[in-house]
C-alpha atoms as a PDB file:
ATOM      1  CA  UNK A   1      -0.028   0.081   0.038  1.00  0.00           C
ATOM      2  CA  UNK A   2       2.833   2.431   0.834  1.00  0.00           C
ATOM      3  CA  UNK A   3       4.643   1.636  -2.342  1.00  0.00           C
ATOM      4  CA  UNK A   4       1.303   2.110  -4.412  1.00  0.00           C
ATOM      5  CA  UNK A   5       0.616   5.240  -2.575  1.00  0.00           C
ATOM      6  CA  UNK A   6       4.074   6.780  -3.616  1.00  0.00           C
ATOM      7  CA  UNK A   7       3.540   5.570  -7.015  1.00  0.00           C
ATOM      8  CA  UNK A   8       0.264   7.371  -7.473  1.00  0.00           C
ATOM      9  CA  UNK A   9       1.811  10.589  -5.961  1.00  0.00           C
ATOM     10  CA  UNK A  10       4.638  10.411  -8.500  1.00  0.00           C
ATOM     11  CA  UNK A  11       2.518   9.640 -11.484  1.00  0.00           C
ATOM     12  CA  UNK A  12      -0.117  12.315 -10.744  1.00  0.00           C
ATOM     13  CA  UNK A  13       2.700  14.844  -9.569  1.00  0.00           C
ATOM     14  CA  UNK A  14       0.681  15.547  -6.473  1.00  0.00           C
ATOM     15  CA  UNK A  15       2.074  17.368  -3.478  1.00  0.00           C
ATOM     16  CA  UNK A  16       1.314  16.288   0.124  1.00  0.00           C
ATOM     17  CA  UNK A  17       1.594  18.203   3.351  1.00  0.00           C
ATOM     18  CA  UNK A  18       2.685  15.521   5.957  1.00  0.00           C
ATOM     19  CA  UNK A  19       1.248  16.464   9.263  1.00  0.00           C
ATOM     20  CA  UNK A  20      -0.510  14.508  12.190  1.00  0.00           C
ATOM     21  CA  UNK A  21      -3.868  15.474  11.011  1.00  0.00           C
ATOM     22  CA  UNK A  22      -3.176  14.952   7.138  1.00  0.00           C
ATOM     23  CA  UNK A  23      -5.209  12.242   5.480  1.00  0.00           C
ATOM     24  CA  UNK A  24      -3.177  10.185   3.119  1.00  0.00           C
ATOM     25  CA  UNK A  25      -5.968   7.910   1.826  1.00  0.00           C
ATOM     26  CA  UNK A  26      -9.415   6.903   2.501  1.00  0.00           C
ATOM     27  CA  UNK A  27     -11.623   4.035   1.905  1.00  0.00           C
ATOM     28  CA  UNK A  28     -15.198   2.973   0.851  1.00  0.00           C
ATOM     29  CA  UNK A  29     -17.269  -0.153   1.379  1.00  0.00           C
ATOM     30  CA  UNK A  30     -20.116  -1.068  -0.789  1.00  0.00           C
ATOM     31  CA  UNK A  31     -22.396  -3.824   0.167  1.00  0.00           C
ATOM     32  CA  UNK A  32     -25.972  -4.706   1.406  1.00  0.00           C
ATOM     33  CA  UNK A  33     -27.583  -7.473   3.530  1.00  0.00           C
ATOM     34  CA  UNK A  34     -27.355 -11.291   3.018  1.00  0.00           C
ATOM     35  CA  UNK A  35     -30.761 -11.536   1.674  1.00  0.00           C
ATOM     36  CA  UNK A  36     -30.081  -9.107  -1.145  1.00  0.00           C
ATOM     37  CA  UNK A  37     -27.202 -11.200  -2.546  1.00  0.00           C
ATOM     38  CA  UNK A  38     -29.122 -14.382  -2.019  1.00  0.00           C
ATOM     39  CA  UNK A  39     -31.895 -13.051  -4.232  1.00  0.00           C
ATOM     40  CA  UNK A  40     -29.075 -12.475  -6.749  1.00  0.00           C
ATOM     41  CA  UNK A  41     -28.262 -16.129  -6.520  1.00  0.00           C
ATOM     42  CA  UNK A  42     -25.291 -15.979  -4.253  1.00  0.00           C
ATOM     43  CA  UNK A  43     -24.535 -18.970  -2.163  1.00  0.00           C
ATOM     44  CA  UNK A  44     -21.673 -18.758   0.361  1.00  0.00           C
ATOM     45  CA  UNK A  45     -18.707 -20.876  -0.423  1.00  0.00           C
ATOM     46  CA  UNK A  46     -19.647 -21.266  -4.042  1.00  0.00           C
ATOM     47  CA  UNK A  47     -18.594 -19.473  -7.273  1.00  0.00           C
ATOM     48  CA  UNK A  48     -20.404 -16.188  -7.314  1.00  0.00           C
ATOM     49  CA  UNK A  49     -23.114 -15.852  -9.977  1.00  0.00           C
ATOM     50  CA  UNK A  50     -22.798 -13.309 -12.785  1.00  0.00           C
ATOM     51  CA  UNK A  51     -25.497 -11.091 -11.421  1.00  0.00           C
ATOM     52  CA  UNK A  52     -23.449 -10.491  -8.212  1.00  0.00           C
ATOM     53  CA  UNK A  53     -20.214  -9.623 -10.190  1.00  0.00           C
ATOM     54  CA  UNK A  54     -22.362  -7.300 -12.358  1.00  0.00           C
ATOM     55  CA  UNK A  55     -23.599  -5.470  -9.295  1.00  0.00           C
ATOM     56  CA  UNK A  56     -20.059  -5.042  -7.960  1.00  0.00           C
ATOM     57  CA  UNK A  57     -18.819  -4.066 -11.357  1.00  0.00           C
ATOM     58  CA  UNK A  58     -21.523  -1.166 -11.625  1.00  0.00           C
ATOM     59  CA  UNK A  59     -20.515  -0.115  -8.146  1.00  0.00           C
ATOM     60  CA  UNK A  60     -16.850   0.185  -9.148  1.00  0.00           C
ATOM     61  CA  UNK A  61     -17.770   2.217 -12.299  1.00  0.00           C
ATOM     62  CA  UNK A  62     -19.969   4.522  -9.982  1.00  0.00           C
ATOM     63  CA  UNK A  63     -16.954   5.006  -7.532  1.00  0.00           C
ATOM     64  CA  UNK A  64     -14.678   5.838 -10.364  1.00  0.00           C
ATOM     65  CA  UNK A  65     -17.104   8.530 -11.532  1.00  0.00           C
ATOM     66  CA  UNK A  66     -17.549  10.141  -8.131  1.00  0.00           C
ATOM     67  CA  UNK A  67     -14.051   9.956  -6.437  1.00  0.00           C
ATOM     68  CA  UNK A  68     -11.763   8.796  -9.473  1.00  0.00           C
ATOM     69  CA  UNK A  69      -9.163  11.250 -10.500  1.00  0.00           C
ATOM     70  CA  UNK A  70     -10.689  12.869 -13.624  1.00  0.00           C
ATOM     71  CA  UNK A  71     -13.017   9.821 -13.643  1.00  0.00           C
ATOM     72  CA  UNK A  72     -10.054   7.319 -13.967  1.00  0.00           C
ATOM     73  CA  UNK A  73      -8.503   4.752 -11.568  1.00  0.00           C
ATOM     74  CA  UNK A  74      -5.187   6.772 -11.261  1.00  0.00           C
ATOM     75  CA  UNK A  75      -5.743   7.511  -7.636  1.00  0.00           C
ATOM     76  CA  UNK A  76      -7.188   3.875  -6.726  1.00  0.00           C
ATOM     77  CA  UNK A  77      -4.882   2.144  -4.308  1.00  0.00           C
ATOM     78  CA  UNK A  78      -6.818  -1.118  -3.981  1.00  0.00           C
ATOM     79  CA  UNK A  79     -10.186  -2.531  -4.877  1.00  0.00           C
ATOM     80  CA  UNK A  80     -11.150  -6.105  -3.812  1.00  0.00           C
ATOM     81  CA  UNK A  81     -14.493  -7.864  -3.737  1.00  0.00           C
ATOM     82  CA  UNK A  82     -14.476 -10.041  -0.546  1.00  0.00           C
ATOM     83  CA  UNK A  83     -16.436 -13.371  -0.627  1.00  0.00           C
ATOM     84  CA  UNK A  84     -14.746 -14.860   2.377  1.00  0.00           C
ATOM     85  CA  UNK A  85     -17.247 -13.439   4.901  1.00  0.00           C
ATOM     86  CA  UNK A  86     -20.951 -13.753   5.667  1.00  0.00           C
ATOM     87  CA  UNK A  87     -21.794 -10.973   3.151  1.00  0.00           C
ATOM     88  CA  UNK A  88     -19.931 -10.055   0.099  1.00  0.00           C
ATOM     89  CA  UNK A  89     -18.597  -6.561  -0.162  1.00  0.00           C
ATOM     90  CA  UNK A  90     -16.410  -4.255  -2.183  1.00  0.00           C
ATOM     91  CA  UNK A  91     -13.583  -2.725  -0.173  1.00  0.00           C
ATOM     92  CA  UNK A  92     -11.793   0.127  -1.962  1.00  0.00           C
ATOM     93  CA  UNK A  93      -9.134   2.597  -0.953  1.00  0.00           C
ATOM     94  CA  UNK A  94      -8.232   5.880  -2.843  1.00  0.00           C
ATOM     95  CA  UNK A  95      -5.895   8.823  -2.633  1.00  0.00           C
ATOM     96  CA  UNK A  96      -8.067  12.149  -2.433  1.00  0.00           C
ATOM     97  CA  UNK A  97      -6.363  14.308  -5.159  1.00  0.00           C
ATOM     98  CA  UNK A  98      -7.679  17.732  -6.109  1.00  0.00           C
ATOM     99  CA  UNK A  99      -6.629  20.164  -8.965  1.00  0.00           C
ATOM    100  CA  UNK A 100      -7.925  23.269  -7.254  1.00  0.00           C
ATOM    101  CA  UNK A 101      -6.884  24.933  -3.959  1.00  0.00           C
ATOM    102  CA  UNK A 102      -8.864  26.984  -1.372  1.00  0.00           C
ATOM    103  CA  UNK A 103      -8.170  30.694  -1.007  1.00  0.00           C
ATOM    104  CA  UNK A 104      -9.735  33.367   0.985  1.00  0.00           C
ATOM    105  CA  UNK A 105     -11.805  36.066  -0.537  1.00  0.00           C
ATOM    106  CA  UNK A 106     -11.170  39.544   1.118  1.00  0.00           C
ATOM    107  CA  UNK A 107     -13.545  42.289   1.698  1.00  0.00           C
ATOM    108  CA  UNK A 108     -13.180  45.402  -0.485  1.00  0.00           C
ATOM    109  CA  UNK A 109     -14.325  48.969   0.099  1.00  0.00           C
ATOM    110  CA  UNK A 110     -16.187  51.282  -2.321  1.00  0.00           C
ATOM    111  CA  UNK A 111     -12.819  52.305  -3.705  1.00  0.00           C
ATOM    112  CA  UNK A 112     -12.250  48.531  -4.697  1.00  0.00           C
ATOM    113  CA  UNK A 113      -9.239  48.258  -2.288  1.00  0.00           C
ATOM    114  CA  UNK A 114      -9.001  45.507   0.411  1.00  0.00           C
ATOM    115  CA  UNK A 115     -10.169  46.398   3.775  1.00  0.00           C
ATOM    116  CA  UNK A 116      -7.883  46.022   6.573  1.00  0.00           C
ATOM    117  CA  UNK A 117      -8.194  45.762  10.423  1.00  0.00           C
ATOM    118  CA  UNK A 118      -6.276  47.970  12.901  1.00  0.00           C
ATOM    119  CA  UNK A 119      -3.174  45.902  12.747  1.00  0.00           C
ATOM    120  CA  UNK A 120      -3.046  46.244   8.984  1.00  0.00           C
ATOM    121  CA  UNK A 121      -4.215  42.683   8.096  1.00  0.00           C
ATOM    122  CA  UNK A 122      -6.767  42.048   5.296  1.00  0.00           C
ATOM    123  CA  UNK A 123     -10.232  41.316   6.285  1.00  0.00           C
ATOM    124  CA  UNK A 124     -11.855  38.180   4.914  1.00  0.00           C
ATOM    125  CA  UNK A 125     -15.193  38.578   3.192  1.00  0.00           C
ATOM    126  CA  UNK A 126     -18.218  36.889   4.752  1.00  0.00           C
ATOM    127  CA  UNK A 127     -21.518  35.579   3.602  1.00  0.00           C
ATOM    128  CA  UNK A 128     -25.013  36.285   4.975  1.00  0.00           C
ATOM    129  CA  UNK A 129     -24.504  33.829   7.787  1.00  0.00           C
ATOM    130  CA  UNK A 130     -21.359  35.396   8.845  1.00  0.00           C
ATOM    131  CA  UNK A 131     -19.047  32.548   7.526  1.00  0.00           C
ATOM    132  CA  UNK A 132     -15.726  33.274   5.654  1.00  0.00           C
ATOM    133  CA  UNK A 133     -15.917  33.295   1.924  1.00  0.00           C
ATOM    134  CA  UNK A 134     -13.404  31.199  -0.081  1.00  0.00           C
ATOM    135  CA  UNK A 135     -12.800  30.588  -3.806  1.00  0.00           C
ATOM    136  CA  UNK A 136     -11.248  27.746  -5.518  1.00  0.00           C
ATOM    137  CA  UNK A 137      -8.286  28.347  -7.935  1.00  0.00           C
ATOM    138  CA  UNK A 138      -6.450  26.189 -10.215  1.00  0.00           C
ATOM    139  CA  UNK A 139      -3.176  24.823  -8.585  1.00  0.00           C
ATOM    140  CA  UNK A 140       0.154  24.659 -10.353  1.00  0.00           C
ATOM    141  CA  UNK A 141       0.288  21.027  -9.232  1.00  0.00           C
ATOM    142  CA  UNK A 142      -2.370  18.454  -8.054  1.00  0.00           C
ATOM    143  CA  UNK A 143      -2.535  18.024  -4.253  1.00  0.00           C
ATOM    144  CA  UNK A 144      -3.606  15.296  -1.839  1.00  0.00           C
ATOM    145  CA  UNK A 145      -6.128  17.062   0.603  1.00  0.00           C
ATOM    146  CA  UNK A 146      -9.280  15.308   2.020  1.00  0.00           C
ATOM    147  CA  UNK A 147     -10.911  18.370   3.128  1.00  0.00           C
ATOM    148  CA  UNK A 148     -10.895  20.266  -0.210  1.00  0.00           C
ATOM    149  CA  UNK A 149     -11.738  16.868  -1.855  1.00  0.00           C
ATOM    150  CA  UNK A 150     -15.061  16.684  -0.187  1.00  0.00           C
ATOM    151  CA  UNK A 151     -15.790  20.523  -0.062  1.00  0.00           C
ATOM    152  CA  UNK A 152     -15.582  20.311  -3.932  1.00  0.00           C
ATOM    153  CA  UNK A 153     -18.329  17.629  -3.700  1.00  0.00           C
ATOM    154  CA  UNK A 154     -20.738  19.575  -1.520  1.00  0.00           C
ATOM    155  CA  UNK A 155     -19.031  19.814   1.917  1.00  0.00           C
ATOM    156  CA  UNK A 156     -21.461  18.745   4.632  1.00  0.00           C
ATOM    157  CA  UNK A 157     -24.067  17.514   2.214  1.00  0.00           C
ATOM    158  CA  UNK A 158     -21.553  15.500   0.190  1.00  0.00           C
ATOM    159  CA  UNK A 159     -22.191  12.257   1.666  1.00  0.00           C
ATOM    160  CA  UNK A 160     -25.965  12.538   1.259  1.00  0.00           C
ATOM    161  CA  UNK A 161     -25.406  13.537  -2.286  1.00  0.00           C
ATOM    162  CA  UNK A 162     -23.200  10.471  -2.925  1.00  0.00           C
ATOM    163  CA  UNK A 163     -25.996   8.152  -1.504  1.00  0.00           C
ATOM    164  CA  UNK A 164     -28.627  10.023  -3.668  1.00  0.00           C
ATOM    165  CA  UNK A 165     -26.456   9.521  -6.759  1.00  0.00           C
ATOM    166  CA  UNK A 166     -25.712   5.729  -5.951  1.00  0.00           C
ATOM    167  CA  UNK A 167     -29.456   5.133  -5.812  1.00  0.00           C
ATOM    168  CA  UNK A 168     -30.207   6.847  -8.891  1.00  0.00           C
ATOM    169  CA  UNK A 169     -27.404   5.275 -11.040  1.00  0.00           C
ATOM    170  CA  UNK A 170     -27.020   1.854  -9.390  1.00  0.00           C
ATOM    171  CA  UNK A 171     -29.149   0.774  -6.463  1.00  0.00           C
ATOM    172  CA  UNK A 172     -32.699   1.048  -7.870  1.00  0.00           C
ATOM    173  CA  UNK A 173     -31.657  -1.206 -10.843  1.00  0.00           C
ATOM    174  CA  UNK A 174     -31.161  -3.984  -8.447  1.00  0.00           C
ATOM    175  CA  UNK A 175     -34.275  -3.447  -6.322  1.00  0.00           C
ATOM    176  CA  UNK A 176     -32.603  -1.613  -3.485  1.00  0.00           C
ATOM    177  CA  UNK A 177     -34.237   1.379  -1.800  1.00  0.00           C
ATOM    178  CA  UNK A 178     -32.654   4.709  -0.701  1.00  0.00           C
ATOM    179  CA  UNK A 179     -31.866   4.827   3.029  1.00  0.00           C
ATOM    180  CA  UNK A 180     -33.472   7.195   5.531  1.00  0.00           C
ATOM    181  CA  UNK A 181     -32.661  10.690   4.175  1.00  0.00           C
ATOM    182  CA  UNK A 182     -31.204  12.929   6.853  1.00  0.00           C
ATOM    183  CA  UNK A 183     -30.698  10.276   9.326  1.00  0.00           C
ATOM    184  CA  UNK A 184     -28.295  10.896  12.186  1.00  0.00           C
ATOM    185  CA  UNK A 185     -27.632   7.251  12.935  1.00  0.00           C
ATOM    186  CA  UNK A 186     -24.085   6.305  13.414  1.00  0.00           C
ATOM    187  CA  UNK A 187     -22.327   2.972  12.942  1.00  0.00           C
ATOM    188  CA  UNK A 188     -19.814   1.691  15.466  1.00  0.00           C
ATOM    189  CA  UNK A 189     -16.279   1.084  14.494  1.00  0.00           C
ATOM    190  CA  UNK A 190     -14.567  -2.153  15.001  1.00  0.00           C
ATOM    191  CA  UNK A 191     -12.679  -0.665  18.003  1.00  0.00           C
ATOM    192  CA  UNK A 192     -15.937   0.755  19.549  1.00  0.00           C
ATOM    193  CA  UNK A 193     -17.396  -2.764  19.189  1.00  0.00           C
ATOM    194  CA  UNK A 194     -14.581  -4.509  20.665  1.00  0.00           C
ATOM    195  CA  UNK A 195     -14.579  -1.998  23.657  1.00  0.00           C
ATOM    196  CA  UNK A 196     -18.176  -2.631  24.146  1.00  0.00           C
ATOM    197  CA  UNK A 197     -17.640  -6.340  24.436  1.00  0.00           C
ATOM    198  CA  UNK A 198     -14.769  -5.818  26.788  1.00  0.00           C
ATOM    199  CA  UNK A 199     -16.823  -3.561  28.927  1.00  0.00           C
ATOM    200  CA  UNK A 200     -19.525  -6.166  29.126  1.00  0.00           C
ATOM    201  CA  UNK A 201     -16.953  -8.740  30.056  1.00  0.00           C
ATOM    202  CA  UNK A 202     -15.555  -6.386  32.724  1.00  0.00           C
ATOM    203  CA  UNK A 203     -18.983  -5.747  34.123  1.00  0.00           C
ATOM    204  CA  UNK A 204     -19.679  -9.615  34.485  1.00  0.00           C
ATOM    205  CA  UNK A 205     -16.441 -10.029  36.256  1.00  0.00           C
ATOM    206  CA  UNK A 206     -17.377  -7.180  38.594  1.00  0.00           C
ATOM    207  CA  UNK A 207     -20.659  -8.857  39.134  1.00  0.00           C
ATOM    208  CA  UNK A 208     -19.136 -12.043  40.067  1.00  0.00           C
ATOM    209  CA  UNK A 209     -16.790 -10.379  42.464  1.00  0.00           C
ATOM    210  CA  UNK A 210     -19.494  -8.620  44.282  1.00  0.00           C
ATOM    211  CA  UNK A 211     -20.003 -11.159  46.970  1.00  0.00           C
ATOM    212  CA  UNK A 212     -16.310 -11.091  47.837  1.00  0.00           C
ATOM    213  CA  UNK A 213     -16.062  -7.055  47.538  1.00  0.00           C
ATOM    214  CA  UNK A 214     -15.690  -6.835  51.326  1.00  0.00           C
ATOM    215  CA  UNK A 215     -12.680  -8.940  51.310  1.00  0.00           C
ATOM    216  CA  UNK A 216     -11.396  -7.224  48.121  1.00  0.00           C
ATOM    217  CA  UNK A 217     -11.887  -3.699  50.106  1.00  0.00           C
ATOM    218  CA  UNK A 218      -9.602  -5.143  52.722  1.00  0.00           C
ATOM    219  CA  UNK A 219      -6.975  -6.167  50.188  1.00  0.00           C
ATOM    220  CA  UNK A 220      -7.128  -2.648  48.504  1.00  0.00           C
ATOM    221  CA  UNK A 221      -6.710  -1.038  51.800  1.00  0.00           C
ATOM    222  CA  UNK A 222      -3.542  -3.150  52.385  1.00  0.00           C
ATOM    223  CA  UNK A 223      -2.392  -1.985  48.959  1.00  0.00           C
ATOM    224  CA  UNK A 224      -2.940   1.630  49.929  1.00  0.00           C
ATOM    225  CA  UNK A 225      -0.839   1.231  53.039  1.00  0.00           C
ATOM    226  CA  UNK A 226      -3.614   0.537  55.555  1.00  0.00           C
ATOM    227  CA  UNK A 227      -2.357  -2.989  56.113  1.00  0.00           C
ATOM    228  CA  UNK A 228      -4.553  -5.091  58.720  1.00  0.00           C
ATOM    229  CA  UNK A 229      -3.212  -7.860  60.879  1.00  0.00           C
ATOM    230  CA  UNK A 230      -3.133 -11.440  59.493  1.00  0.00           C
ATOM    231  CA  UNK A 231      -2.254 -14.737  61.111  1.00  0.00           C
ATOM    232  CA  UNK A 232      -0.061 -17.584  60.061  1.00  0.00           C
ATOM    233  CA  UNK A 233       1.302 -17.987  56.454  1.00  0.00           C
ATOM    234  CA  UNK A 234      -1.523 -15.916  55.101  1.00  0.00           C
ATOM    235  CA  UNK A 235       0.583 -12.754  55.808  1.00  0.00           C
ATOM    236  CA  UNK A 236       3.170 -13.613  53.434  1.00  0.00           C
ATOM    237  CA  UNK A 237       0.701 -14.534  50.677  1.00  0.00           C
ATOM    238  CA  UNK A 238      -0.909 -11.209  51.014  1.00  0.00           C
ATOM    239  CA  UNK A 239       2.407  -9.202  50.932  1.00  0.00           C
ATOM    240  CA  UNK A 240       3.172 -11.152  47.850  1.00  0.00           C
ATOM    241  CA  UNK A 241      -0.182 -10.143  46.343  1.00  0.00           C
ATOM    242  CA  UNK A 242       0.622  -6.426  47.199  1.00  0.00           C
ATOM    243  CA  UNK A 243       3.707  -6.556  45.433  1.00  0.00           C
ATOM    244  CA  UNK A 244       2.297  -8.265  42.306  1.00  0.00           C
ATOM    245  CA  UNK A 245      -0.691  -5.931  42.261  1.00  0.00           C
ATOM    246  CA  UNK A 246       1.673  -2.919  42.371  1.00  0.00           C
ATOM    247  CA  UNK A 247       3.608  -4.328  39.535  1.00  0.00           C
ATOM    248  CA  UNK A 248       0.336  -4.618  37.465  1.00  0.00           C
ATOM    249  CA  UNK A 249      -0.615  -1.270  38.245  1.00  0.00           C
ATOM    250  CA  UNK A 250       2.783   0.178  37.004  1.00  0.00           C
ATOM    251  CA  UNK A 251       2.597  -1.901  33.684  1.00  0.00           C
ATOM    252  CA  UNK A 252      -0.900  -0.686  33.244  1.00  0.00           C
ATOM    253  CA  UNK A 253       0.199   2.941  33.331  1.00  0.00           C
ATOM    254  CA  UNK A 254       2.848   2.257  30.602  1.00  0.00           C
ATOM    255  CA  UNK A 255       0.859   3.296  27.446  1.00  0.00           C
ATOM    256  CA  UNK A 256       2.026   4.567  24.163  1.00  0.00           C
ATOM    257  CA  UNK A 257       0.885   8.272  23.990  1.00  0.00           C
ATOM    258  CA  UNK A 258       1.126   8.346  20.102  1.00  0.00           C
ATOM    259  CA  UNK A 259      -1.550   5.658  19.625  1.00  0.00           C
ATOM    260  CA  UNK A 260      -5.125   6.704  18.895  1.00  0.00           C
ATOM    261  CA  UNK A 261      -7.482   7.258  21.700  1.00  0.00           C
ATOM    262  CA  UNK A 262      -9.718   4.306  20.978  1.00  0.00           C
ATOM    263  CA  UNK A 263      -6.687   1.919  20.665  1.00  0.00           C
ATOM    264  CA  UNK A 264      -5.589   3.168  24.115  1.00  0.00           C
ATOM    265  CA  UNK A 265      -9.065   2.614  25.678  1.00  0.00           C
ATOM    266  CA  UNK A 266      -9.142  -0.864  24.196  1.00  0.00           C
ATOM    267  CA  UNK A 267      -5.670  -1.778  25.590  1.00  0.00           C
ATOM    268  CA  UNK A 268      -6.826  -0.305  29.042  1.00  0.00           C
ATOM    269  CA  UNK A 269      -9.922  -2.473  29.118  1.00  0.00           C
ATOM    270  CA  UNK A 270      -7.766  -5.633  27.832  1.00  0.00           C
ATOM    271  CA  UNK A 271      -5.543  -5.107  30.825  1.00  0.00           C
ATOM    272  CA  UNK A 272      -8.258  -4.606  33.425  1.00  0.00           C
ATOM    273  CA  UNK A 273      -9.924  -7.896  32.623  1.00  0.00           C
ATOM    274  CA  UNK A 274      -7.065 -10.195  33.479  1.00  0.00           C
ATOM    275  CA  UNK A 275      -6.430  -8.144  36.621  1.00  0.00           C
ATOM    276  CA  UNK A 276     -10.129  -8.754  37.609  1.00  0.00           C
ATOM    277  CA  UNK A 277      -9.832 -12.316  36.680  1.00  0.00           C
ATOM    278  CA  UNK A 278      -6.851 -12.633  38.860  1.00  0.00           C
ATOM    279  CA  UNK A 279      -8.589 -11.156  41.762  1.00  0.00           C
ATOM    280  CA  UNK A 280     -11.568 -13.450  41.352  1.00  0.00           C
ATOM    281  CA  UNK A 281      -9.527 -16.598  41.292  1.00  0.00           C
ATOM    282  CA  UNK A 282      -7.266 -15.592  44.169  1.00  0.00           C
ATOM    283  CA  UNK A 283     -10.313 -14.779  46.329  1.00  0.00           C
ATOM    284  CA  UNK A 284     -11.897 -18.069  45.516  1.00  0.00           C
ATOM    285  CA  UNK A 285      -8.752 -19.853  46.410  1.00  0.00           C
ATOM    286  CA  UNK A 286      -8.656 -18.126  49.788  1.00  0.00           C
ATOM    287  CA  UNK A 287     -12.196 -18.564  50.508  1.00  0.00           C
ATOM    288  CA  UNK A 288     -11.917 -22.308  50.042  1.00  0.00           C
ATOM    289  CA  UNK A 289      -8.525 -22.958  51.700  1.00  0.00           C
ATOM    290  CA  UNK A 290      -8.457 -20.200  54.259  1.00  0.00           C
ATOM    291  CA  UNK A 291     -11.914 -19.177  55.230  1.00  0.00           C
ATOM    292  CA  UNK A 292     -11.086 -18.384  58.897  1.00  0.00           C
ATOM    293  CA  UNK A 293      -8.405 -15.954  57.877  1.00  0.00           C
ATOM    294  CA  UNK A 294     -10.690 -14.305  55.427  1.00  0.00           C
ATOM    295  CA  UNK A 295     -13.355 -13.915  57.954  1.00  0.00           C
ATOM    296  CA  UNK A 296     -10.727 -12.196  60.256  1.00  0.00           C
ATOM    297  CA  UNK A 297      -9.831  -9.860  57.359  1.00  0.00           C
ATOM    298  CA  UNK A 298     -13.542  -8.883  57.018  1.00  0.00           C
ATOM    299  CA  UNK A 299     -13.753  -8.382  60.849  1.00  0.00           C
ATOM    300  CA  UNK A 300     -10.774  -6.245  60.937  1.00  0.00           C
ATOM    301  CA  UNK A 301     -11.809  -4.164  58.001  1.00  0.00           C
ATOM    302  CA  UNK A 302     -15.337  -3.537  59.438  1.00  0.00           C
ATOM    303  CA  UNK A 303     -13.633  -2.717  62.881  1.00  0.00           C
ATOM    304  CA  UNK A 304     -11.182  -0.104  61.109  1.00  0.00           C
ATOM    305  CA  UNK A 305     -14.118   1.424  59.343  1.00  0.00           C
ATOM    306  CA  UNK A 306     -16.178   1.774  62.353  1.00  0.00           C
ATOM    307  CA  UNK A 307     -13.192   3.282  64.269  1.00  0.00           C
ATOM    308  CA  UNK A 308     -12.521   5.815  61.486  1.00  0.00           C
ATOM    309  CA  UNK A 309     -16.081   7.122  61.894  1.00  0.00           C
ATOM    310  CA  UNK A 310     -15.712   7.699  65.720  1.00  0.00           C
ATOM    311  CA  UNK A 311     -13.547  10.582  66.872  1.00  0.00           C
ATOM    312  CA  UNK A 312     -10.801   9.399  69.264  1.00  0.00           C
ATOM    313  CA  UNK A 313      -7.583  10.736  70.813  1.00  0.00           C
ATOM    314  CA  UNK A 314      -5.833   7.389  70.243  1.00  0.00           C
ATOM    315  CA  UNK A 315      -3.921   6.520  67.265  1.00  0.00           C
ATOM    316  CA  UNK A 316      -4.036   3.087  65.769  1.00  0.00           C
ATOM    317  CA  UNK A 317      -1.320   1.591  63.708  1.00  0.00           C
ATOM    318  CA  UNK A 318      -2.787  -1.543  62.004  1.00  0.00           C
ATOM    319  CA  UNK A 319       0.011  -2.193  59.622  1.00  0.00           C
ATOM    320  CA  UNK A 320       1.949  -5.424  58.823  1.00  0.00           C
ATOM    321  CA  UNK A 321       5.441  -5.504  60.066  1.00  0.00           C
ATOM    322  CA  UNK A 322       7.890  -6.706  57.454  1.00  0.00           C
END
């Protein structure tokens, strides 16, 4: 993909301003539901029938007319029809190349001269809605610019126009209907879907841990420095648990700041779930093989909570000595 992108930029002589917010290429997916393709004769796992291939061929021609550089495939990075999933779909990537650049239109006085502010800077002309006015002029060289690419296709209404044109030129011929016009429905991304699943798994683990939350509270107090008394060998186990939990917390804090927000959130949930699972298994082990010690932890935790609510002149130091 990288080599093909460079090849397209070279062939079209397009310039590109490489910044963190720059868009190097974009993608389009064309598909429908499973029933639609079955009505065209499609059977998963078998050779796709001519009618399905004809549909995707018409879709590809439509895309070239709408986003192709001068109606050609010169800016197409990749175009593949996928039949290896439940529903066939055309997945296409392209480079948004434009021949015109946006330029500010400046306000002029009655004498025809450009108006300037107190600092001497020219004042941009505005429309009736108070928005700055721009004009598009031919560029000496094409450039890769997503914002100009879509502004030249209608700006905020460009996607709606694209859906209208697709229906009129392709969809209606195959029995498809135009989607809800003006709908504000949003589809979730893959990361958002995975995060939702991880959140559900996390909540399930928290629910399973609910009966043991009093014990967990005692362990958390120990981690924060409020270490209660323990008997026998359980004290060493808890000290080991504290050290291991601290290590997990430090590992959880190590994140790559350059990664995208959703990816960071996804990794955070991925790390939380094993920790919760570890708490669950450890507490189950203690409740089975050291029930008396756990009851003492619970009792000490409640006593400490009760004492913290009552004003007293005495100071208590319920810390493990090690």
